[in-house]
Structures are given as structure tokens and as C-alpha cells.
Amino acid sequence: MKKTEWIIFALLILMGLCCLTVSGTAMWGPGSIQAYFKTFLHLCMWMGLPIIFLGIVYLVIVMKRQGK
């Protein structure tokens, strides 16, 4: 992929995270900027941990296959 495609891809993901954060913050009533960032960090954590775990599992499987 070209550099511009990666930038568009990253912007779409960021916009999706912002939309999730706004809806999550609005669900708890009128909030402050602190509530927004707290919700954003929680979303990133709950999305990032499974991705990191699956990445590690994938690397272990690839390393085992290369060793054979």
C-alpha cells in the first residue's frame, strides 16, 4: 500500500475510536474532558490487549514452523 493509503486507513480508525469514545462518554451523562480521555484509554486498552495477545501467538506459531 502507498503512504497515502496508510494515512487514510489510520485516520478512519482514529475517527472510529473517537465516535466510540463520544458515544461511551455520552452514555454516562454530561461529562468532562477527563471522562472522555478515560473512556478513550479504556477503549484502546480493551482493543489493544487482544491484538497484542494474538500477535504474540502468531509469532510463536511462525517461529515453530520455521524451526521444522
N, C-alpha and C. Protein backbone atom coordinates (compact mmCIF):
# COMPACT_ATOMS: atom_id res chain seq x y z
N MET A 1 0.84 -1.18 0.00
CA MET A 1 0.00 0.00 0.00
C MET A 1 0.88 1.24 0.00
N LYS A 2 0.35 2.28 -0.59
CA LYS A 2 1.08 3.54 -0.64
C LYS A 2 0.95 4.28 0.69
N LYS A 3 1.80 5.27 0.86
CA LYS A 3 1.82 6.04 2.11
C LYS A 3 0.48 6.74 2.34
N THR A 4 -0.11 7.28 1.29
CA THR A 4 -1.39 7.98 1.45
C THR A 4 -2.50 7.03 1.87
N GLU A 5 -2.46 5.79 1.38
CA GLU A 5 -3.46 4.81 1.78
C GLU A 5 -3.33 4.47 3.27
N TRP A 6 -2.10 4.38 3.76
CA TRP A 6 -1.88 4.12 5.18
C TRP A 6 -2.40 5.29 6.03
N ILE A 7 -2.19 6.51 5.54
CA ILE A 7 -2.67 7.68 6.28
C ILE A 7 -4.20 7.68 6.33
N ILE A 8 -4.84 7.39 5.22
CA ILE A 8 -6.31 7.33 5.19
C ILE A 8 -6.80 6.23 6.12
N PHE A 9 -6.15 5.08 6.09
CA PHE A 9 -6.50 3.96 6.95
C PHE A 9 -6.41 4.35 8.43
N ALA A 10 -5.31 5.00 8.80
CA ALA A 10 -5.11 5.41 10.19
C ALA A 10 -6.14 6.46 10.61
N LEU A 11 -6.46 7.40 9.72
CA LEU A 11 -7.46 8.42 10.04
C LEU A 11 -8.84 7.81 10.24
N LEU A 12 -9.21 6.83 9.42
CA LEU A 12 -10.51 6.18 9.59
C LEU A 12 -10.59 5.43 10.91
N ILE A 13 -9.51 4.78 11.30
CA ILE A 13 -9.51 4.08 12.59
C ILE A 13 -9.61 5.09 13.74
N LEU A 14 -8.88 6.18 13.65
CA LEU A 14 -8.93 7.20 14.68
C LEU A 14 -10.33 7.82 14.78
N MET A 15 -10.96 8.07 13.63
CA MET A 15 -12.32 8.62 13.65
C MET A 15 -13.30 7.64 14.29
N GLY A 16 -13.12 6.35 14.01
CA GLY A 16 -13.98 5.34 14.63
C GLY A 16 -13.80 5.29 16.14
N LEU A 17 -12.55 5.37 16.60
CA LEU A 17 -12.30 5.39 18.04
C LEU A 17 -12.90 6.62 18.70
N CYS A 18 -12.82 7.76 18.02
CA CYS A 18 -13.40 8.99 18.57
C CYS A 18 -14.92 8.86 18.66
N CYS A 19 -15.55 8.28 17.65
CA CYS A 19 -17.00 8.08 17.70
C CYS A 19 -17.40 7.15 18.84
N LEU A 20 -16.65 6.06 19.01
CA LEU A 20 -16.92 5.15 20.12
C LEU A 20 -16.75 5.84 21.47
N THR A 21 -15.74 6.68 21.57
CA THR A 21 -15.47 7.38 22.81
C THR A 21 -16.58 8.39 23.12
N VAL A 22 -17.03 9.12 22.11
CA VAL A 22 -18.10 10.10 22.33
C VAL A 22 -19.38 9.39 22.77
N SER A 23 -19.72 8.29 22.11
CA SER A 23 -20.95 7.59 22.50
C SER A 23 -20.81 6.96 23.88
N GLY A 24 -19.62 6.46 24.20
CA GLY A 24 -19.40 5.90 25.53
C GLY A 24 -19.44 6.94 26.62
N THR A 25 -18.92 8.13 26.34
CA THR A 25 -18.94 9.21 27.32
C THR A 25 -20.36 9.77 27.48
N ALA A 26 -21.08 9.87 26.38
CA ALA A 26 -22.44 10.41 26.42
C ALA A 26 -23.39 9.48 27.16
N MET A 27 -23.09 8.19 27.16
CA MET A 27 -23.95 7.22 27.82
C MET A 27 -24.02 7.48 29.32
N TRP A 28 -22.95 8.01 29.90
CA TRP A 28 -22.91 8.24 31.34
C TRP A 28 -23.36 9.64 31.72
N GLY A 29 -23.91 10.37 30.78
CA GLY A 29 -24.39 11.72 31.08
C GLY A 29 -23.35 12.74 30.67
N PRO A 30 -23.64 13.99 30.95
CA PRO A 30 -22.69 15.03 30.56
C PRO A 30 -21.37 14.84 31.31
N GLY A 31 -20.31 14.77 30.55
CA GLY A 31 -19.02 14.51 31.17
C GLY A 31 -18.03 15.59 30.85
N SER A 32 -16.90 15.45 31.45
CA SER A 32 -15.83 16.41 31.23
C SER A 32 -14.82 15.83 30.25
N ILE A 33 -13.80 16.58 29.98
CA ILE A 33 -12.73 16.11 29.11
C ILE A 33 -11.98 14.95 29.76
N GLN A 34 -11.96 14.92 31.09
CA GLN A 34 -11.32 13.82 31.80
C GLN A 34 -12.08 12.51 31.57
N ALA A 35 -13.41 12.57 31.59
CA ALA A 35 -14.21 11.38 31.33
C ALA A 35 -14.00 10.90 29.90
N TYR A 36 -13.87 11.85 28.97
CA TYR A 36 -13.63 11.50 27.57
C TYR A 36 -12.31 10.74 27.43
N PHE A 37 -11.23 11.27 28.00
CA PHE A 37 -9.93 10.62 27.88
C PHE A 37 -9.88 9.30 28.62
N LYS A 38 -10.58 9.21 29.75
CA LYS A 38 -10.63 7.95 30.48
C LYS A 38 -11.33 6.88 29.65
N THR A 39 -12.43 7.24 29.02
CA THR A 39 -13.14 6.30 28.15
C THR A 39 -12.28 5.93 26.95
N PHE A 40 -11.57 6.91 26.38
CA PHE A 40 -10.69 6.65 25.23
C PHE A 40 -9.58 5.66 25.60
N LEU A 41 -8.97 5.84 26.76
CA LEU A 41 -7.92 4.93 27.20
C LEU A 41 -8.46 3.53 27.45
N HIS A 42 -9.66 3.44 28.01
CA HIS A 42 -10.27 2.13 28.24
C HIS A 42 -10.53 1.43 26.91
N LEU A 43 -11.05 2.17 25.94
CA LEU A 43 -11.30 1.58 24.62
C LEU A 43 -10.01 1.09 23.98
N CYS A 44 -8.97 1.90 24.05
CA CYS A 44 -7.69 1.50 23.46
C CYS A 44 -7.13 0.27 24.17
N MET A 45 -7.28 0.21 25.49
CA MET A 45 -6.78 -0.93 26.23
C MET A 45 -7.53 -2.20 25.84
N TRP A 46 -8.86 -2.15 25.81
CA TRP A 46 -9.65 -3.33 25.52
C TRP A 46 -9.55 -3.76 24.07
N MET A 47 -9.17 -2.86 23.19
CA MET A 47 -8.95 -3.24 21.79
C MET A 47 -7.50 -3.67 21.57
N GLY A 48 -6.58 -3.07 22.29
CA GLY A 48 -5.17 -3.34 22.08
C GLY A 48 -4.68 -4.64 22.70
N LEU A 49 -5.18 -4.98 23.87
CA LEU A 49 -4.71 -6.20 24.54
C LEU A 49 -4.97 -7.47 23.72
N PRO A 50 -6.16 -7.67 23.18
CA PRO A 50 -6.36 -8.87 22.35
C PRO A 50 -5.49 -8.87 21.10
N ILE A 51 -5.28 -7.71 20.50
CA ILE A 51 -4.44 -7.62 19.31
C ILE A 51 -3.00 -8.00 19.65
N ILE A 52 -2.49 -7.50 20.77
CA ILE A 52 -1.13 -7.84 21.19
C ILE A 52 -1.02 -9.33 21.50
N PHE A 53 -2.02 -9.88 22.20
CA PHE A 53 -2.02 -11.30 22.53
C PHE A 53 -2.02 -12.16 21.27
N LEU A 54 -2.90 -11.84 20.33
CA LEU A 54 -2.96 -12.61 19.09
C LEU A 54 -1.68 -12.46 18.27
N GLY A 55 -1.07 -11.28 18.32
CA GLY A 55 0.20 -11.08 17.63
C GLY A 55 1.31 -11.95 18.20
N ILE A 56 1.35 -12.07 19.51
CA ILE A 56 2.36 -12.91 20.15
C ILE A 56 2.12 -14.38 19.80
N VAL A 57 0.87 -14.82 19.84
CA VAL A 57 0.54 -16.21 19.47
C VAL A 57 0.94 -16.47 18.02
N TYR A 58 0.66 -15.53 17.14
CA TYR A 58 1.03 -15.67 15.73
C TYR A 58 2.54 -15.79 15.56
N LEU A 59 3.29 -14.95 16.25
CA LEU A 59 4.75 -15.02 16.16
C LEU A 59 5.30 -16.34 16.67
N VAL A 60 4.72 -16.86 17.74
CA VAL A 60 5.17 -18.15 18.28
C VAL A 60 4.91 -19.26 17.26
N ILE A 61 3.74 -19.24 16.64
CA ILE A 61 3.41 -20.27 15.63
C ILE A 61 4.35 -20.17 14.44
N VAL A 62 4.62 -18.96 13.97
CA VAL A 62 5.53 -18.78 12.83
C VAL A 62 6.93 -19.25 13.19
N MET A 63 7.40 -18.95 14.38
CA MET A 63 8.75 -19.37 14.78
C MET A 63 8.83 -20.89 14.88
N LYS A 64 7.78 -21.55 15.36
CA LYS A 64 7.79 -23.01 15.47
C LYS A 64 7.82 -23.64 14.07
N ARG A 65 7.09 -23.06 13.12
CA ARG A 65 7.06 -23.60 11.76
C ARG A 65 8.40 -23.42 11.07
N GLN A 66 9.09 -22.32 11.34
CA GLN A 66 10.39 -22.09 10.72
C GLN A 66 11.46 -22.99 11.30
N GLY A 67 11.26 -23.44 12.53
CA GLY A 67 12.23 -24.31 13.17
C GLY A 67 12.21 -25.73 12.62
N LYS A 68 11.12 -26.13 11.98
CA LYS A 68 11.00 -27.50 11.45
C LYS A 68 11.75 -27.69 10.18
